[in-house]
């Protein structure tokens, strides 16, 4: 998931993506705690995807605020 793909989405779609990513991060933390995690690099990518989604949401909010 790159930032350009995210910028083409609506804020509602971004919020849905964010909720899904946070659920995945939660599940990955449990897998790590129980020793069941197979792909440890996935935690890093999920964290970065969450940050990207939040950044794009903030950009869209700033755009909307400046347009008024």
PDB file of N, CA and C in Angstrom:
ATOM      1  N   UNK A   1       0.850  -1.169   0.000  1.00  0.00           N
ATOM      2  CA  UNK A   1       0.000   0.000   0.000  1.00  0.00           C
ATOM      3  C   UNK A   1       0.897   1.234   0.000  1.00  0.00           C
ATOM      4  N   UNK A   2       0.805   2.023  -1.075  1.00  0.00           N
ATOM      5  CA  UNK A   2       1.622   3.225  -1.095  1.00  0.00           C
ATOM      6  C   UNK A   2       0.745   4.461  -0.898  1.00  0.00           C
ATOM      7  N   UNK A   3       1.383   5.587  -0.677  1.00  0.00           N
ATOM      8  CA  UNK A   3       0.661   6.809  -0.342  1.00  0.00           C
ATOM      9  C   UNK A   3      -0.218   7.278  -1.496  1.00  0.00           C
ATOM     10  N   UNK A   4       0.212   7.062  -2.731  1.00  0.00           N
ATOM     11  CA  UNK A   4      -0.589   7.507  -3.873  1.00  0.00           C
ATOM     12  C   UNK A   4      -1.918   6.749  -3.933  1.00  0.00           C
ATOM     13  N   UNK A   5      -1.889   5.460  -3.681  1.00  0.00           N
ATOM     14  CA  UNK A   5      -3.126   4.680  -3.640  1.00  0.00           C
ATOM     15  C   UNK A   5      -4.045   5.213  -2.547  1.00  0.00           C
ATOM     16  N   UNK A   6      -3.474   5.562  -1.412  1.00  0.00           N
ATOM     17  CA  UNK A   6      -4.268   6.057  -0.297  1.00  0.00           C
ATOM     18  C   UNK A   6      -4.885   7.415  -0.605  1.00  0.00           C
ATOM     19  N   UNK A   7      -4.168   8.251  -1.318  1.00  0.00           N
ATOM     20  CA  UNK A   7      -4.691   9.584  -1.628  1.00  0.00           C
ATOM     21  C   UNK A   7      -5.901   9.525  -2.565  1.00  0.00           C
ATOM     22  N   UNK A   8      -6.033   8.425  -3.300  1.00  0.00           N
ATOM     23  CA  UNK A   8      -7.164   8.278  -4.213  1.00  0.00           C
ATOM     24  C   UNK A   8      -8.421   7.781  -3.505  1.00  0.00           C
ATOM     25  N   UNK A   9      -8.307   7.406  -2.244  1.00  0.00           N
ATOM     26  CA  UNK A   9      -9.446   6.887  -1.491  1.00  0.00           C
ATOM     27  C   UNK A   9     -10.168   8.007  -0.758  1.00  0.00           C
ATOM     28  N   UNK A  10     -11.413   7.736  -0.412  1.00  0.00           N
ATOM     29  CA  UNK A  10     -12.192   8.701   0.362  1.00  0.00           C
ATOM     30  C   UNK A  10     -11.817   8.577   1.844  1.00  0.00           C
ATOM     31  N   UNK A  11     -12.114   9.599   2.628  1.00  0.00           N
ATOM     32  CA  UNK A  11     -11.808   9.508   4.063  1.00  0.00           C
ATOM     33  C   UNK A  11     -12.491   8.324   4.757  1.00  0.00           C
ATOM     34  N   UNK A  12     -13.710   7.979   4.323  1.00  0.00           N
ATOM     35  CA  UNK A  12     -14.384   6.832   4.935  1.00  0.00           C
ATOM     36  C   UNK A  12     -13.649   5.530   4.631  1.00  0.00           C
ATOM     37  N   UNK A  13     -13.177   5.387   3.407  1.00  0.00           N
ATOM     38  CA  UNK A  13     -12.408   4.192   3.046  1.00  0.00           C
ATOM     39  C   UNK A  13     -11.109   4.138   3.842  1.00  0.00           C
ATOM     40  N   UNK A  14     -10.493   5.290   4.040  1.00  0.00           N
ATOM     41  CA  UNK A  14      -9.243   5.337   4.804  1.00  0.00           C
ATOM     42  C   UNK A  14      -9.481   4.944   6.259  1.00  0.00           C
ATOM     43  N   UNK A  15     -10.597   5.407   6.835  1.00  0.00           N
ATOM     44  CA  UNK A  15     -10.901   5.037   8.217  1.00  0.00           C
ATOM     45  C   UNK A  15     -11.143   3.533   8.338  1.00  0.00           C
ATOM     46  N   UNK A  16     -11.800   2.954   7.339  1.00  0.00           N
ATOM     47  CA  UNK A  16     -12.017   1.500   7.339  1.00  0.00           C
ATOM     48  C   UNK A  16     -10.682   0.762   7.253  1.00  0.00           C
ATOM     49  N   UNK A  17      -9.794   1.237   6.363  1.00  0.00           N
ATOM     50  CA  UNK A  17      -8.464   0.631   6.238  1.00  0.00           C
ATOM     51  C   UNK A  17      -7.700   0.730   7.551  1.00  0.00           C
ATOM     52  N   UNK A  18      -7.809   1.892   8.196  1.00  0.00           N
ATOM     53  CA  UNK A  18      -7.108   2.108   9.463  1.00  0.00           C
ATOM     54  C   UNK A  18      -7.605   1.138  10.533  1.00  0.00           C
ATOM     55  N   UNK A  19      -8.908   0.963  10.618  1.00  0.00           N
ATOM     56  CA  UNK A  19      -9.463   0.030  11.605  1.00  0.00           C
ATOM     57  C   UNK A  19      -8.988  -1.394  11.326  1.00  0.00           C
ATOM     58  N   UNK A  20      -8.968  -1.765  10.067  1.00  0.00           N
ATOM     59  CA  UNK A  20      -8.524  -3.112   9.694  1.00  0.00           C
ATOM     60  C   UNK A  20      -7.047  -3.312  10.036  1.00  0.00           C
ATOM     61  N   UNK A  21      -6.232  -2.307   9.747  1.00  0.00           N
ATOM     62  CA  UNK A  21      -4.805  -2.410  10.047  1.00  0.00           C
ATOM     63  C   UNK A  21      -4.546  -2.481  11.548  1.00  0.00           C
ATOM     64  N   UNK A  22      -5.305  -1.723  12.326  1.00  0.00           N
ATOM     65  CA  UNK A  22      -5.127  -1.761  13.777  1.00  0.00           C
ATOM     66  C   UNK A  22      -5.525  -3.119  14.344  1.00  0.00           C
ATOM     67  N   UNK A  23      -6.578  -3.725  13.780  1.00  0.00           N
ATOM     68  CA  UNK A  23      -6.953  -5.071  14.212  1.00  0.00           C
ATOM     69  C   UNK A  23      -5.847  -6.065  13.891  1.00  0.00           C
ATOM     70  N   UNK A  24      -5.271  -5.919  12.693  1.00  0.00           N
ATOM     71  CA  UNK A  24      -4.184  -6.817  12.308  1.00  0.00           C
ATOM     72  C   UNK A  24      -2.976  -6.650  13.223  1.00  0.00           C
ATOM     73  N   UNK A  25      -2.650  -5.397  13.573  1.00  0.00           N
ATOM     74  CA  UNK A  25      -1.525  -5.143  14.472  1.00  0.00           C
ATOM     75  C   UNK A  25      -1.789  -5.778  15.840  1.00  0.00           C
ATOM     76  N   UNK A  26      -3.019  -5.676  16.312  1.00  0.00           N
ATOM     77  CA  UNK A  26      -3.396  -6.273  17.589  1.00  0.00           C
ATOM     78  C   UNK A  26      -3.191  -7.790  17.546  1.00  0.00           C
ATOM     79  N   UNK A  27      -3.670  -8.408  16.477  1.00  0.00           N
ATOM     80  CA  UNK A  27      -3.516  -9.862  16.334  1.00  0.00           C
ATOM     81  C   UNK A  27      -2.054 -10.264  16.226  1.00  0.00           C
ATOM     82  N   UNK A  28      -1.255  -9.458  15.525  1.00  0.00           N
ATOM     83  CA  UNK A  28       0.166  -9.771  15.400  1.00  0.00           C
ATOM     84  C   UNK A  28       0.880  -9.696  16.746  1.00  0.00           C
ATOM     85  N   UNK A  29       0.479  -8.723  17.578  1.00  0.00           N
ATOM     86  CA  UNK A  29       1.085  -8.633  18.913  1.00  0.00           C
ATOM     87  C   UNK A  29       0.771  -9.880  19.734  1.00  0.00           C
ATOM     88  N   UNK A  30      -0.450 -10.377  19.622  1.00  0.00           N
ATOM     89  CA  UNK A  30      -0.797 -11.606  20.335  1.00  0.00           C
ATOM     90  C   UNK A  30      -0.018 -12.791  19.809  1.00  0.00           C
ATOM     91  N   UNK A  31       0.128 -12.868  18.491  1.00  0.00           N
ATOM     92  CA  UNK A  31       0.905 -13.964  17.921  1.00  0.00           C
ATOM     93  C   UNK A  31       2.347 -13.921  18.410  1.00  0.00           C
ATOM     94  N   UNK A  32       2.892 -12.725  18.513  1.00  0.00           N
ATOM     95  CA  UNK A  32       4.268 -12.594  18.978  1.00  0.00           C
ATOM     96  C   UNK A  32       4.381 -13.016  20.440  1.00  0.00           C
ATOM     97  N   UNK A  33       3.411 -12.627  21.233  1.00  0.00           N
ATOM     98  CA  UNK A  33       3.451 -12.958  22.657  1.00  0.00           C
ATOM     99  C   UNK A  33       3.330 -14.457  22.893  1.00  0.00           C
ATOM    100  N   UNK A  34       2.585 -15.147  22.047  1.00  0.00           N
ATOM    101  CA  UNK A  34       2.393 -16.580  22.232  1.00  0.00           C
ATOM    102  C   UNK A  34       3.402 -17.411  21.455  1.00  0.00           C
ATOM    103  N   UNK A  35       4.267 -16.750  20.705  1.00  0.00           N
ATOM    104  CA  UNK A  35       5.300 -17.458  19.959  1.00  0.00           C
ATOM    105  C   UNK A  35       4.812 -18.104  18.676  1.00  0.00           C
ATOM    106  N   UNK A  36       3.686 -17.656  18.164  1.00  0.00           N
ATOM    107  CA  UNK A  36       3.119 -18.244  16.955  1.00  0.00           C
ATOM    108  C   UNK A  36       3.416 -17.438  15.693  1.00  0.00           C
ATOM    109  N   UNK A  37       4.117 -16.336  15.836  1.00  0.00           N
ATOM    110  CA  UNK A  37       4.344 -15.459  14.688  1.00  0.00           C
ATOM    111  C   UNK A  37       5.309 -16.097  13.700  1.00  0.00           C
ATOM    112  N   UNK A  38       4.891 -16.116  12.436  1.00  0.00           N
ATOM    113  CA  UNK A  38       5.724 -16.694  11.386  1.00  0.00           C
ATOM    114  C   UNK A  38       6.510 -15.619  10.641  1.00  0.00           C
ATOM    115  N   UNK A  39       5.862 -14.494  10.374  1.00  0.00           N
ATOM    116  CA  UNK A  39       6.494 -13.440   9.586  1.00  0.00           C
ATOM    117  C   UNK A  39       6.655 -12.199  10.461  1.00  0.00           C
ATOM    118  N   UNK A  40       7.820 -12.063  11.075  1.00  0.00           N
ATOM    119  CA  UNK A  40       8.029 -10.946  12.003  1.00  0.00           C
ATOM    120  C   UNK A  40       8.109  -9.610  11.286  1.00  0.00           C
ATOM    121  N   UNK A  41       8.460  -9.610  10.015  1.00  0.00           N
ATOM    122  CA  UNK A  41       8.556  -8.350   9.269  1.00  0.00           C
ATOM    123  C   UNK A  41       7.183  -7.737   9.027  1.00  0.00           C
ATOM    124  N   UNK A  42       6.134  -8.535   9.144  1.00  0.00           N
ATOM    125  CA  UNK A  42       4.777  -8.017   8.901  1.00  0.00           C
ATOM    126  C   UNK A  42       4.415  -6.944   9.915  1.00  0.00           C
ATOM    127  N   UNK A  43       4.909  -7.045  11.137  1.00  0.00           N
ATOM    128  CA  UNK A  43       4.618  -6.024  12.156  1.00  0.00           C
ATOM    129  C   UNK A  43       5.112  -4.660  11.699  1.00  0.00           C
ATOM    130  N   UNK A  44       6.307  -4.622  11.153  1.00  0.00           N
ATOM    131  CA  UNK A  44       6.886  -3.372  10.691  1.00  0.00           C
ATOM    132  C   UNK A  44       6.067  -2.775   9.550  1.00  0.00           C
ATOM    133  N   UNK A  45       5.662  -3.613   8.599  1.00  0.00           N
ATOM    134  CA  UNK A  45       4.895  -3.090   7.463  1.00  0.00           C
ATOM    135  C   UNK A  45       3.521  -2.600   7.899  1.00  0.00           C
ATOM    136  N   UNK A  46       2.902  -3.295   8.842  1.00  0.00           N
ATOM    137  CA  UNK A  46       1.586  -2.866   9.325  1.00  0.00           C
ATOM    138  C   UNK A  46       1.706  -1.531  10.054  1.00  0.00           C
ATOM    139  N   UNK A  47       2.730  -1.394  10.891  1.00  0.00           N
ATOM    140  CA  UNK A  47       2.935  -0.127  11.606  1.00  0.00           C
ATOM    141  C   UNK A  47       3.118   1.028  10.627  1.00  0.00           C
ATOM    142  N   UNK A  48       3.904   0.790   9.588  1.00  0.00           N
ATOM    143  CA  UNK A  48       4.149   1.840   8.602  1.00  0.00           C
ATOM    144  C   UNK A  48       2.905   2.149   7.787  1.00  0.00           C
ATOM    145  N   UNK A  49       2.109   1.124   7.478  1.00  0.00           N
ATOM    146  CA  UNK A  49       0.857   1.356   6.755  1.00  0.00           C
ATOM    147  C   UNK A  49      -0.112   2.172   7.600  1.00  0.00           C
ATOM    148  N   UNK A  50      -0.162   1.894   8.892  1.00  0.00           N
ATOM    149  CA  UNK A  50      -1.013   2.683   9.794  1.00  0.00           C
ATOM    150  C   UNK A  50      -0.567   4.139   9.763  1.00  0.00           C
ATOM    151  N   UNK A  51       0.726   4.370   9.829  1.00  0.00           N
ATOM    152  CA  UNK A  51       1.250   5.742   9.800  1.00  0.00           C
ATOM    153  C   UNK A  51       0.912   6.424   8.483  1.00  0.00           C
ATOM    154  N   UNK A  52       1.004   5.696   7.372  1.00  0.00           N
ATOM    155  CA  UNK A  52       0.666   6.276   6.071  1.00  0.00           C
ATOM    156  C   UNK A  52      -0.797   6.684   6.007  1.00  0.00           C
ATOM    157  N   UNK A  53      -1.674   5.813   6.486  1.00  0.00           N
ATOM    158  CA  UNK A  53      -3.103   6.113   6.452  1.00  0.00           C
ATOM    159  C   UNK A  53      -3.409   7.336   7.309  1.00  0.00           C
ATOM    160  N   UNK A  54      -2.823   7.402   8.492  1.00  0.00           N
ATOM    161  CA  UNK A  54      -3.048   8.552   9.372  1.00  0.00           C
ATOM    162  C   UNK A  54      -2.532   9.828   8.721  1.00  0.00           C
ATOM    163  N   UNK A  55      -1.375   9.768   8.084  1.00  0.00           N
ATOM    164  CA  UNK A  55      -0.810  10.932   7.416  1.00  0.00           C
ATOM    165  C   UNK A  55      -1.719  11.431   6.306  1.00  0.00           C
ATOM    166  N   UNK A  56      -2.225  10.520   5.484  1.00  0.00           N
ATOM    167  CA  UNK A  56      -3.099  10.924   4.381  1.00  0.00           C
ATOM    168  C   UNK A  56      -4.412  11.480   4.927  1.00  0.00           C
ATOM    169  N   UNK A  57      -4.949  10.887   5.996  1.00  0.00           N
ATOM    170  CA  UNK A  57      -6.163  11.434   6.605  1.00  0.00           C
ATOM    171  C   UNK A  57      -5.940  12.851   7.102  1.00  0.00           C
ATOM    172  N   UNK A  58      -4.792  13.087   7.733  1.00  0.00           N
ATOM    173  CA  UNK A  58      -4.470  14.430   8.216  1.00  0.00           C
ATOM    174  C   UNK A  58      -4.304  15.408   7.062  1.00  0.00           C
ATOM    175  N   UNK A  59      -3.706  14.964   5.957  1.00  0.00           N
ATOM    176  CA  UNK A  59      -3.565  15.821   4.780  1.00  0.00           C
ATOM    177  C   UNK A  59      -4.925  16.207   4.235  1.00  0.00           C
ATOM    178  N   UNK A  60      -5.827  15.243   4.154  1.00  0.00           N
ATOM    179  CA  UNK A  60      -7.175  15.505   3.640  1.00  0.00           C
ATOM    180  C   UNK A  60      -7.927  16.453   4.571  1.00  0.00           C
ATOM    181  N   UNK A  61      -7.748  16.299   5.873  1.00  0.00           N
ATOM    182  CA  UNK A  61      -8.404  17.183   6.836  1.00  0.00           C
ATOM    183  C   UNK A  61      -7.866  18.609   6.712  1.00  0.00           C
ATOM    184  N   UNK A  62      -6.558  18.728   6.518  1.00  0.00           N
ATOM    185  CA  UNK A  62      -5.965  20.052   6.357  1.00  0.00           C
ATOM    186  C   UNK A  62      -6.429  20.708   5.051  1.00  0.00           C
ATOM    187  N   UNK A  63      -6.564  19.901   4.008  1.00  0.00           N
ATOM    188  CA  UNK A  63      -7.066  20.407   2.731  1.00  0.00           C
ATOM    189  C   UNK A  63      -8.481  20.935   2.888  1.00  0.00           C
ATOM    190  N   UNK A  64      -9.323  20.172   3.576  1.00  0.00           N
ATOM    191  CA  UNK A  64     -10.708  20.566   3.772  1.00  0.00           C
ATOM    192  C   UNK A  64     -10.803  21.834   4.631  1.00  0.00           C
ATOM    193  N   UNK A  65      -9.935  21.940   5.622  1.00  0.00           N
ATOM    194  CA  UNK A  65      -9.953  23.113   6.500  1.00  0.00           C
ATOM    195  C   UNK A  65      -9.496  24.368   5.760  1.00  0.00           C
ATOM    196  N   UNK A  66      -8.508  24.214   4.893  1.00  0.00           N
ATOM    197  CA  UNK A  66      -8.005  25.388   4.166  1.00  0.00           C
ATOM    198  C   UNK A  66      -8.934  25.796   3.033  1.00  0.00           C
ATOM    199  N   UNK A  67      -9.762  24.871   2.558  1.00  0.00           N
ATOM    200  CA  UNK A  67     -10.681  25.171   1.461  1.00  0.00           C
ATOM    201  C   UNK A  67     -11.855  26.022   1.958  1.00  0.00           C
ATOM    202  N   UNK A  68     -12.141  25.948   3.233  1.00  0.00           N
ATOM    203  CA  UNK A  68     -13.279  26.708   3.775  1.00  0.00           C
ATOM    204  C   UNK A  68     -12.985  28.156   3.926  1.00  0.00           C
TER     205      UNK A  68
END
